[in-house]
Protein backbone atom coordinates (compact mmCIF):
# COMPACT_ATOMS: atom_id res chain seq x y z
CA MET A 1 122.67 94.77 104.73
CA GLY A 2 124.67 97.43 106.58
CA GLU A 3 125.51 99.26 103.36
CA THR A 4 121.86 99.18 102.27
CA VAL A 5 120.82 100.83 105.52
CA VAL A 6 123.54 103.47 105.19
CA TYR A 7 122.48 104.36 101.64
CA GLY A 8 118.87 104.50 102.78
CA ILE A 9 119.71 107.06 105.46
CA THR A 10 120.30 109.71 102.80
CA GLY A 11 116.76 109.33 101.46
CA VAL A 12 115.34 109.55 104.97
CA ALA A 13 117.39 112.66 105.70
CA SER A 14 116.28 114.32 102.46
CA THR A 15 112.59 113.71 103.25
CA LEU A 16 112.97 115.01 106.79
CA ALA A 17 114.88 118.07 105.56
CA SER A 18 112.11 119.01 103.12
CA VAL A 19 109.58 118.92 105.97
CA PHE A 20 111.99 120.68 108.36
CA LEU A 21 112.14 123.72 106.06
CA VAL A 22 108.34 123.96 105.75
CA PRO A 23 107.84 125.99 108.99
CA PHE A 24 110.44 128.53 107.83
CA TYR A 25 109.20 128.90 104.27
CA THR A 26 105.47 128.99 105.01
CA ARG A 27 105.85 131.73 107.62
CA ILE A 28 107.84 133.97 105.30
CA LEU A 29 106.71 133.12 101.77
CA SER A 30 103.20 133.51 100.44
CA PRO A 31 101.38 130.50 98.95
CA ASP A 32 102.04 132.03 95.50
CA ALA A 33 105.78 132.22 96.11
CA TYR A 34 105.88 128.72 97.58
CA GLY A 35 103.98 127.48 94.54
CA VAL A 36 106.53 129.05 92.19
CA SER A 37 109.34 127.35 94.11
CA SER A 38 107.54 124.00 93.94
CA LEU A 39 106.83 124.20 90.22
CA LEU A 40 110.38 125.14 89.24
CA GLY A 41 111.85 122.52 91.57
CA ILE A 42 109.66 119.81 90.06
CA LEU A 43 110.35 120.96 86.49
CA PHE A 44 114.11 120.71 86.93
CA SER A 45 113.79 117.35 88.67
CA VAL A 46 112.26 115.93 85.49
CA ILE A 47 114.84 117.68 83.30
CA LEU A 48 117.46 116.03 85.52
CA VAL A 49 115.95 112.61 84.72
CA VAL A 50 116.53 113.31 81.03
CA ALA A 51 119.97 114.87 81.57
CA ASN A 52 121.18 111.84 83.53
CA LEU A 53 120.47 109.51 80.58
CA GLY A 54 120.07 106.64 83.06
CA MET A 55 123.85 106.84 83.55
CA GLY A 56 123.70 106.62 87.33
CA THR A 57 122.39 103.05 87.01
CA ALA A 58 124.04 102.07 83.73
CA ILE A 59 127.55 102.69 85.02
CA PHE A 60 127.11 99.79 87.48
CA ARG A 61 126.54 97.28 84.69
CA SER A 62 129.44 98.48 82.54
CA TYR A 63 131.77 98.95 85.51
CA PHE A 64 131.41 95.37 86.70
CA SER A 65 131.39 93.84 83.21
CA ALA A 66 134.65 95.63 82.33
CA LYS A 67 138.08 94.31 83.24
CA LYS A 68 139.72 96.03 86.20
CA SER A 69 142.16 97.73 83.84
CA GLN A 70 139.21 99.21 81.90
CA ARG A 71 137.19 100.53 84.82
CA LYS A 72 138.85 103.95 84.87
CA GLU A 73 137.98 104.31 81.19
CA VAL A 74 134.35 103.37 81.90
CA ALA A 75 134.20 105.94 84.70
CA GLY A 76 135.90 108.57 82.52
CA THR A 77 133.52 108.00 79.63
CA ALA A 78 130.52 108.27 81.93
CA PHE A 79 131.92 111.43 83.55
CA ILE A 80 132.60 113.14 80.20
CA ALA A 81 129.13 112.26 78.93
CA GLN A 82 127.59 113.47 82.19
CA THR A 83 129.47 116.73 81.86
CA LEU A 84 128.82 117.57 78.21
CA PHE A 85 125.14 116.56 77.85
CA PRO A 86 123.92 118.25 81.07
CA LEU A 87 125.99 121.30 80.08
CA VAL A 88 124.07 121.54 76.80
CA ILE A 89 120.75 121.10 78.65
CA ALA A 90 121.73 123.72 81.23
CA ILE A 91 122.76 126.26 78.56
CA LEU A 92 119.50 125.72 76.66
CA SER A 93 117.50 126.19 79.86
CA TRP A 94 119.44 129.36 80.60
CA LEU A 95 118.82 130.74 77.11
CA LEU A 96 115.13 129.87 77.34
CA SER A 97 114.75 131.10 80.92
CA GLY A 98 112.41 133.93 79.97
CA SER A 99 110.23 131.67 77.85
CA ILE A 100 110.09 129.00 80.59
CA SER A 101 109.05 131.58 83.17
CA THR A 102 106.39 133.01 80.86
CA LEU A 103 105.07 129.56 79.94
CA LEU A 104 104.70 128.50 83.58
CA PHE A 105 103.67 131.76 85.24
CA GLY A 106 102.57 134.10 82.49
CA THR A 107 105.46 136.50 83.18
CA PRO A 108 109.25 136.57 82.62
CA GLU A 109 109.62 137.78 86.22
CA TYR A 110 111.05 134.45 87.41
CA SER A 111 113.60 133.98 84.62
CA PHE A 112 116.53 134.54 87.02
CA LEU A 113 115.29 131.66 89.17
CA VAL A 114 115.26 129.49 86.03
CA VAL A 115 118.89 130.52 85.41
CA LEU A 116 119.92 129.52 88.94
CA SER A 117 118.05 126.20 88.51
CA SER A 118 119.84 125.60 85.20
CA ILE A 119 123.25 126.01 86.81
CA ALA A 120 122.29 123.76 89.71
CA LEU A 121 121.07 121.18 87.18
CA PHE A 122 124.55 120.92 85.69
CA PHE A 123 126.17 120.18 89.06
CA ASN A 124 123.44 117.79 90.20
CA ALA A 125 123.68 115.81 86.96
CA GLY A 126 127.48 115.75 87.15
CA LEU A 127 127.35 114.33 90.67
CA ALA A 128 125.58 111.16 89.47
CA VAL A 129 128.80 109.51 88.27
CA PRO A 130 130.89 110.06 91.44
CA LEU A 131 128.00 108.77 93.56
CA ALA A 132 127.60 105.71 91.33
CA LEU A 133 131.34 104.99 91.55
CA LEU A 134 131.28 105.19 95.33
CA ARG A 135 128.42 102.69 95.47
CA ALA A 136 130.11 100.39 92.94
CA GLU A 137 133.28 100.37 95.04
CA GLY A 138 131.41 99.81 98.30
CA ARG A 139 132.28 103.13 99.95
CA PRO A 140 129.05 104.07 101.73
CA SER A 141 130.69 106.46 104.22
CA ASN A 142 131.97 108.69 101.39
CA TYR A 143 128.59 108.45 99.66
CA VAL A 144 126.77 109.61 102.78
CA THR A 145 129.34 112.34 103.44
CA ILE A 146 128.64 113.90 100.04
CA ASN A 147 124.88 113.76 100.40
CA PHE A 148 124.85 115.04 103.96
CA ALA A 149 127.26 117.88 103.17
CA LYS A 150 125.05 118.89 100.25
CA LEU A 151 121.90 118.61 102.35
CA ILE A 152 123.23 120.49 105.37
CA ALA A 153 124.64 123.27 103.18
CA THR A 154 121.27 123.64 101.46
CA ILE A 155 119.41 123.79 104.79
CA VAL A 156 121.83 126.24 106.45
CA PHE A 157 121.96 128.60 103.48
CA SER A 158 118.18 128.34 102.99
CA ILE A 159 117.58 129.51 106.55
CA PHE A 160 120.29 132.20 106.33
CA LEU A 161 119.23 133.60 102.97
CA VAL A 162 115.45 133.27 103.34
CA VAL A 163 114.94 133.84 107.07
CA VAL A 164 117.87 136.09 108.04
CA LEU A 165 118.58 138.07 104.86
CA ARG A 166 114.95 137.90 103.67
CA LEU A 167 115.88 137.19 100.05
CA GLY A 168 112.60 135.33 99.51
CA LEU A 169 112.40 133.00 96.55
CA ALA A 170 115.88 133.89 95.33
CA GLY A 171 117.28 132.70 98.66
CA ILE A 172 115.82 129.21 98.15
CA PHE A 173 117.37 128.86 94.70
CA TRP A 174 120.75 130.27 95.74
CA ALA A 175 120.82 127.79 98.62
CA ASN A 176 119.99 124.90 96.28
CA LEU A 177 122.79 126.00 93.94
CA ILE A 178 125.33 126.28 96.77
CA GLY A 179 124.42 122.80 98.00
CA ALA A 180 124.71 121.36 94.47
CA VAL A 181 128.14 122.93 93.88
CA LEU A 182 129.47 121.73 97.23
CA GLY A 183 128.21 118.18 96.65
CA TYR A 184 129.76 118.15 93.17
CA LEU A 185 133.16 119.33 94.40
CA ILE A 186 133.29 116.78 97.24
CA GLY A 187 132.20 114.09 94.78
CA LEU A 188 135.09 115.00 92.47
CA PHE A 189 137.50 114.96 95.40
CA TYR A 190 136.53 111.40 96.32
CA SER A 191 136.43 110.01 92.78
CA PHE A 192 139.03 112.02 90.81
CA LYS A 193 141.74 109.35 91.04
CA ARG A 194 139.32 106.69 89.83
CA ILE A 195 138.45 108.48 86.61
CA SER A 196 140.55 108.31 83.46
CA PHE A 197 139.76 111.28 81.23
CA SER A 198 139.74 109.10 78.15
CA PHE A 199 136.60 108.64 76.10
CA SER A 200 135.40 105.30 74.71
CA SER A 201 132.57 105.22 72.19
CA TYR A 202 132.21 101.49 72.93
CA TRP A 203 131.54 102.02 76.64
CA LEU A 204 129.29 104.99 75.93
CA ARG A 205 127.11 102.87 73.63
CA ASP A 206 127.12 100.09 76.21
CA MET A 207 125.93 102.42 78.97
CA LEU A 208 123.36 104.22 76.83
CA LYS A 209 121.94 100.92 75.63
CA PHE A 210 121.19 100.05 79.23
CA GLY A 211 120.47 103.54 80.60
CA LEU A 212 118.27 105.17 77.96
CA PRO A 213 115.36 102.68 78.34
CA LEU A 214 115.25 103.70 82.02
CA VAL A 215 114.45 107.32 81.11
CA PRO A 216 110.80 106.71 80.05
CA ALA A 217 110.19 104.77 83.27
CA GLY A 218 111.71 107.66 85.22
CA LEU A 219 109.45 110.11 83.42
CA ALA A 220 106.43 107.91 84.17
CA VAL A 221 107.30 107.96 87.89
CA TRP A 222 107.64 111.75 87.67
CA ILE A 223 104.17 111.97 86.12
CA LEU A 224 102.67 109.94 88.95
CA ASN A 225 104.42 111.96 91.64
CA SER A 226 104.44 115.48 90.27
CA SER A 227 102.41 116.22 87.12
CA ASP A 228 99.35 117.19 89.17
CA ARG A 229 101.10 120.44 90.25
CA TYR A 230 101.15 121.66 86.66
CA PHE A 231 97.49 120.91 86.08
CA LEU A 232 96.75 122.62 89.40
CA ASN A 233 98.80 125.65 88.36
CA TYR A 234 96.89 125.89 85.08
CA PHE A 235 93.41 125.48 86.55
CA ALA A 236 93.78 127.05 90.02
CA GLY A 237 96.98 129.12 90.16
CA THR A 238 100.33 129.05 91.96
CA ALA A 239 98.85 129.80 95.40
CA GLU A 240 96.89 126.55 95.40
CA VAL A 241 100.00 124.73 94.17
CA GLY A 242 101.89 126.09 97.17
CA ILE A 243 99.25 124.97 99.65
CA TYR A 244 98.88 121.56 98.01
CA ASN A 245 102.62 120.98 97.95
CA VAL A 246 102.84 121.53 101.70
CA GLY A 247 100.15 118.90 102.27
CA TYR A 248 101.90 116.58 99.82
CA ARG A 249 105.20 116.84 101.67
CA VAL A 250 103.63 116.05 105.03
CA GLY A 251 101.64 113.16 103.55
CA ASN A 252 104.82 111.94 101.92
CA LEU A 253 106.36 111.46 105.37
CA ILE A 254 105.22 107.85 105.36
CA THR A 255 107.92 107.11 102.79
CA LEU A 256 110.26 107.14 105.79
CA VAL A 257 108.59 103.84 106.70
CA THR A 258 107.83 102.45 103.23
CA GLY A 259 111.33 103.43 102.06
CA ALA A 260 112.90 101.46 104.92
CA LEU A 261 110.76 98.45 104.02
CA GLN A 262 111.76 98.82 100.39
CA LEU A 263 115.44 98.70 101.40
CA ALA A 264 114.90 95.58 103.51
CA ALA A 265 112.72 93.78 100.95
CA PRO A 266 115.23 92.65 98.25
CA ARG A 267 117.51 90.77 100.64
CA LEU A 268 114.54 89.27 102.47
CA ILE A 269 112.72 88.23 99.29
CA PHE A 270 115.68 86.78 97.42
CA SER A 271 117.05 84.97 100.48
CA VAL A 272 113.65 83.33 101.02
CA TYR A 273 113.45 82.44 97.31
CA GLU A 274 116.90 80.83 97.40
CA GLU A 275 116.77 79.20 100.86
CA ARG A 276 113.13 78.08 100.97
CA PRO A 277 112.00 77.78 97.31
CA LYS A 278 109.14 75.35 98.08
CA ASP A 279 107.70 77.65 100.75
CA ALA A 280 108.58 80.95 99.06
CA LYS A 281 105.06 81.81 97.96
CA TYR A 282 103.73 81.31 101.48
CA TYR A 283 106.36 83.65 102.89
CA PHE A 284 105.76 86.20 100.12
CA GLN A 285 102.06 86.41 101.00
CA LYS A 286 102.96 86.94 104.67
CA ILE A 287 105.63 89.55 103.88
CA ASN A 288 103.10 91.42 101.73
CA THR A 289 100.56 91.46 104.57
CA TYR A 290 103.06 92.62 107.20
CA PHE A 291 104.60 95.31 105.00
CA TYR A 292 101.11 96.53 104.10
CA LEU A 293 100.08 96.67 107.76
CA ILE A 294 103.20 98.65 108.73
CA GLY A 295 102.78 101.11 105.85
CA PHE A 296 99.06 101.50 106.53
CA ALA A 297 99.70 102.12 110.23
CA ALA A 298 102.14 104.91 109.34
CA ALA A 299 99.64 106.52 106.95
CA PHE A 300 96.90 106.11 109.55
CA LEU A 301 99.01 107.94 112.14
CA VAL A 302 99.86 110.80 109.76
CA SER A 303 96.22 111.11 108.62
CA VAL A 304 94.72 111.19 112.14
CA PHE A 305 96.98 114.06 113.20
CA ALA A 306 97.10 115.82 109.80
CA LYS A 307 95.20 118.95 110.83
CA GLU A 308 97.18 119.50 114.01
CA ALA A 309 100.49 118.85 112.25
CA ILE A 310 99.73 121.45 109.59
CA GLN A 311 98.64 124.02 112.19
CA ILE A 312 101.91 123.55 114.06
CA LEU A 313 104.19 123.36 111.02
CA THR A 314 102.83 126.14 108.81
CA GLY A 315 101.63 129.71 108.78
CA PRO A 316 97.86 130.41 108.66
CA ALA A 317 97.82 130.85 104.88
CA PHE A 318 98.69 127.15 104.47
CA HIS A 319 96.36 125.57 107.04
CA GLU A 320 93.97 124.20 104.41
CA ALA A 321 96.73 121.85 103.24
CA TYR A 322 95.67 119.24 105.80
CA VAL A 323 92.68 118.11 103.70
CA VAL A 324 94.89 116.38 101.11
CA ILE A 325 97.23 114.62 103.55
CA PRO A 326 95.22 111.38 104.08
CA LEU A 327 94.82 110.77 100.35
CA ILE A 328 98.52 111.40 99.71
CA SER A 329 99.60 109.19 102.61
CA PHE A 330 97.44 106.27 101.52
CA SER A 331 98.63 106.75 97.94
CA TYR A 332 102.06 105.69 99.15
CA VAL A 333 100.56 102.72 100.97
CA ALA A 334 99.28 101.68 97.54
CA TYR A 335 102.78 102.26 96.18
CA GLY A 336 104.07 99.87 98.83
CA LEU A 337 101.60 97.26 97.55
CA PHE A 338 102.87 97.90 94.03
CA LEU A 339 106.38 96.98 95.21
CA SER A 340 105.14 93.92 97.14
CA PHE A 341 102.98 92.67 94.29
CA GLY A 342 106.03 92.92 92.03
CA VAL A 343 107.84 90.11 93.83
CA GLY A 344 106.89 87.67 91.06
CA ALA A 345 108.35 89.94 88.40
CA ALA A 346 111.52 90.36 90.47
CA VAL A 347 112.27 86.69 91.16
CA THR A 348 111.49 85.66 87.57
CA LYS A 349 113.63 88.55 86.28
CA LYS A 350 110.74 90.06 84.33
CA THR A 351 111.06 93.55 85.75
CA HIS A 352 109.78 95.06 82.51
CA LEU A 353 106.32 94.27 83.89
CA SER A 354 106.86 96.82 86.65
CA ALA A 355 107.88 99.41 84.08
CA LEU A 356 104.78 98.63 82.02
CA SER A 357 102.60 99.02 85.14
CA THR A 358 104.14 102.41 85.83
CA LEU A 359 103.64 103.61 82.26
CA MET A 360 99.97 102.56 82.23
CA ALA A 361 99.27 104.19 85.59
CA SER A 362 100.98 107.42 84.50
CA VAL A 363 98.68 107.66 81.45
CA LEU A 364 95.68 107.21 83.74
CA ASN A 365 97.07 109.88 86.05
CA ILE A 366 97.26 112.46 83.27
CA VAL A 367 93.65 111.80 82.28
CA LEU A 368 92.42 112.00 85.88
CA ASN A 369 94.44 115.15 86.52
CA TYR A 370 92.66 116.88 83.66
CA LEU A 371 89.19 115.65 84.62
CA LEU A 372 89.40 116.13 88.39
CA ILE A 373 91.68 119.12 88.94
CA SER A 374 89.72 121.24 86.47
CA ARG A 375 86.62 120.75 88.66
CA PHE A 376 87.86 120.20 92.22
CA GLY A 377 91.26 121.89 92.49
CA MET A 378 93.72 120.43 94.96
CA ILE A 379 91.23 117.86 96.28
CA GLY A 380 90.92 116.62 92.70
CA ALA A 381 94.72 116.43 92.52
CA ALA A 382 94.87 114.32 95.68
CA VAL A 383 92.09 112.00 94.46
CA SER A 384 93.82 111.62 91.11
CA THR A 385 97.08 110.68 92.86
CA PHE A 386 95.35 108.16 95.10
CA VAL A 387 93.38 106.46 92.31
CA SER A 388 96.47 106.34 90.07
CA PHE A 389 98.59 104.67 92.74
CA VAL A 390 95.85 102.15 93.52
CA ALA A 391 95.64 101.39 89.79
CA LEU A 392 99.44 101.05 89.71
CA ALA A 393 99.28 98.38 92.43
CA LEU A 394 96.40 96.52 90.76
CA ILE A 395 98.03 96.51 87.31
CA GLN A 396 101.24 95.21 88.86
CA LEU A 397 99.25 92.49 90.65
CA VAL A 398 97.54 91.30 87.45
CA LEU A 399 100.75 91.25 85.40
CA ALA A 400 102.96 89.65 88.07
CA GLN A 401 100.40 86.95 88.89
CA ARG A 402 100.65 85.71 85.32
CA VAL A 403 104.34 84.85 85.70
CA TYR A 404 104.46 83.89 89.39
CA PRO A 405 101.07 83.54 91.12
CA VAL A 406 100.97 84.21 94.87
CA LYS A 407 97.81 83.81 97.01
CA TYR A 408 97.86 87.13 98.80
CA GLU A 409 95.77 87.58 101.95
CA PHE A 410 93.18 89.96 100.54
CA ARG A 411 90.74 89.34 103.40
CA ARG A 412 93.26 90.62 105.92
CA ILE A 413 94.21 93.54 103.68
CA LEU A 414 90.53 94.47 103.48
CA ILE A 415 90.10 94.30 107.27
CA VAL A 416 92.93 96.78 107.79
CA LEU A 417 91.54 99.04 105.07
CA LEU A 418 87.99 99.12 106.47
CA VAL A 419 88.95 99.54 110.12
CA GLY A 420 91.62 102.15 109.40
CA SER A 421 89.44 104.16 107.00
CA PHE A 422 86.58 104.22 109.51
CA LEU A 423 88.84 105.49 112.29
CA VAL A 424 90.34 108.17 110.04
CA TYR A 425 86.79 109.33 109.28
CA VAL A 426 86.00 109.39 113.02
CA ALA A 427 89.13 111.52 113.55
CA THR A 428 87.72 114.18 111.22
CA LEU A 429 84.68 114.49 113.53
CA ILE A 430 86.80 115.30 116.60
CA LYS A 431 86.73 119.09 116.88
CA PHE A 432 87.42 120.28 120.43
CA GLY A 433 90.21 122.26 122.02
CA LEU A 434 93.73 121.28 121.02
CA PHE A 435 94.51 119.30 124.21
CA LEU A 436 91.26 117.33 124.24
CA THR A 437 91.43 116.74 120.47
CA LEU A 438 94.96 115.34 120.74
CA LEU A 439 93.98 113.14 123.68
CA LEU A 440 90.98 111.68 121.86
CA LYS A 441 93.02 111.09 118.70
CA ILE A 442 95.74 109.31 120.69
CA LEU A 443 93.05 107.04 122.10
CA LEU A 444 91.81 106.47 118.54
CA VAL A 445 95.29 105.39 117.48
CA LEU A 446 95.52 102.98 120.41
CA VAL A 447 92.13 101.52 119.50
CA PHE A 448 93.28 100.62 115.98
CA PRO A 449 95.33 97.47 116.85
CA VAL A 450 92.74 96.45 119.44
CA ILE A 451 89.98 96.40 116.84
CA LEU A 452 92.23 94.50 114.45
CA TYR A 453 92.80 91.91 117.16
CA PHE A 454 89.09 91.41 117.85
CA THR A 455 88.26 91.22 114.14
CA GLY A 456 90.62 88.24 113.91
CA PHE A 457 93.32 89.95 111.88
CA PHE A 458 96.19 88.65 114.00
CA GLU A 459 96.98 84.95 114.12
CA ASN A 460 98.27 83.44 117.38
CA ARG A 461 101.47 82.29 115.68
CA GLU A 462 102.08 85.83 114.44
CA ILE A 463 101.60 87.35 117.89
CA ASP A 464 104.26 84.99 119.24
CA LYS A 465 106.58 85.99 116.38
CA LEU A 466 106.02 89.70 117.06
CA VAL A 467 106.93 89.24 120.73
CA LYS A 468 110.15 87.44 119.71
CA ILE A 469 111.02 90.11 117.14
CA TRP A 470 110.50 92.84 119.75
CA HIS A 471 112.93 91.08 122.10
CA LEU A 472 115.41 90.78 119.21
CA VAL A 473 115.15 94.52 118.60
CA LEU A 474 115.88 95.23 122.25
CA ARG A 475 118.85 92.85 122.33
CA ALA A 476 120.26 94.36 119.13
CA ARG A 477 120.40 97.77 120.88
CA PHE A 478 118.67 99.32 117.87
CA LYS A 479 121.47 98.56 115.40
CA PRO A 480 119.63 98.61 112.01
CA GLY A 481 121.71 95.94 110.28
CA VAL A 482 121.46 93.49 113.19
CA ILE A 483 117.73 94.15 113.58
CA LEU A 484 116.93 93.53 109.91
CA GLU A 485 119.00 90.35 109.77
CA SER A 486 117.37 89.07 112.99
CA ILE A 487 113.91 89.77 111.61
CA ARG A 488 114.79 88.02 108.35
CA GLN A 489 115.95 84.92 110.22
CA GLU A 490 112.84 84.94 112.43
CA ILE A 491 110.49 85.25 109.46
CA ILE A 492 111.95 82.39 107.42
CA THR A 493 112.13 79.94 110.36
């Protein structure tokens, strides 16, 4: 459990860092420039999915199935493959930099930024193998060191190059490249002795057989999360992309909560399934309700204060970004339901159902992006994202129920949805001075659990459990591993 928490910290830090840089970027860059940065960043994130060949995950399977004497050869084969293939991709991107810039922005003006992104791609792809090795060998401290060094270098150089030296867009991409190179070098330092520079066609085939099928699923996730920016760029221009992306990042803050739940879920779910098989379905329905409530509460909080958060975080040119935040936040609540509803697929080892759900939802997302963004701009993009994620959860529910039916508490889910949605709407009507507005919205937040209580959402047994869990948290002195294990024990007793 401790290692899981440590690995999860890197994702939390990355999300916080992306929001931390928003006040700097939006006060120096125009919405157009910020949109260009967003589009190129997203483009190379999907190219990275292809360049990785699923190797970051596949190496685990081959590493542990190999004899100890063969593990260096497995690591070496993966490292060579993850050097040569990304190198080819990076060179092609470099050579096509002018065409990529023209295709995206109608001008070759940003070709140098494509070149910098291509170089960074090579180092980011190459880092996948060292990171996978560190996880396979149970070395979380080294894993976190690499990611934090990369992250801090990117932040420091971003501020220095963009804010101090005023290099604009180029500063962002130079900072990303510096962070990628530093992470790659530290990764090599930690894993060099564990890699044999011998190549095995057998182990390559073994890893590709497992890793390549993961690429389409990765692309489908990318479509759900990011394809709307390209439709928005085509129909509305880079400025609207820049504004929308700021709102998306703030709305995406709730993944700090849903991501933590996602890390805690596997151990909780599988321990319940193994220790209490006869009662597992009962516990799964309760876990789904609690996780949904926690995720919804986080989205509710972000949505209520969306306008004020954007006004504080960004320059005036980006203030309209607040309108998309509630839809984006609640999209990730739906994503949390998708993960919860997939418990049946997980315990029956039919995880292909989750991949099928993602593929179907991504197709829907593309259709909705075209229909809605062409007419409504960034609001259409947010609606498309929300509807697609809701569909993702529902498709997962239908498919998983066929292999492992669970009677989820839809009445309670609906109560939270109706009460929370009404209060978010009320929050949009509060338009006074900043101090009074914040005061009234704080009161609105405090009213939320009170209304849930009087609508009968909470059961007496659950209230007693919550009191016990709170005391456990206090006694654990906020140690994440101890807290999660205590909560797990309290839930299954």
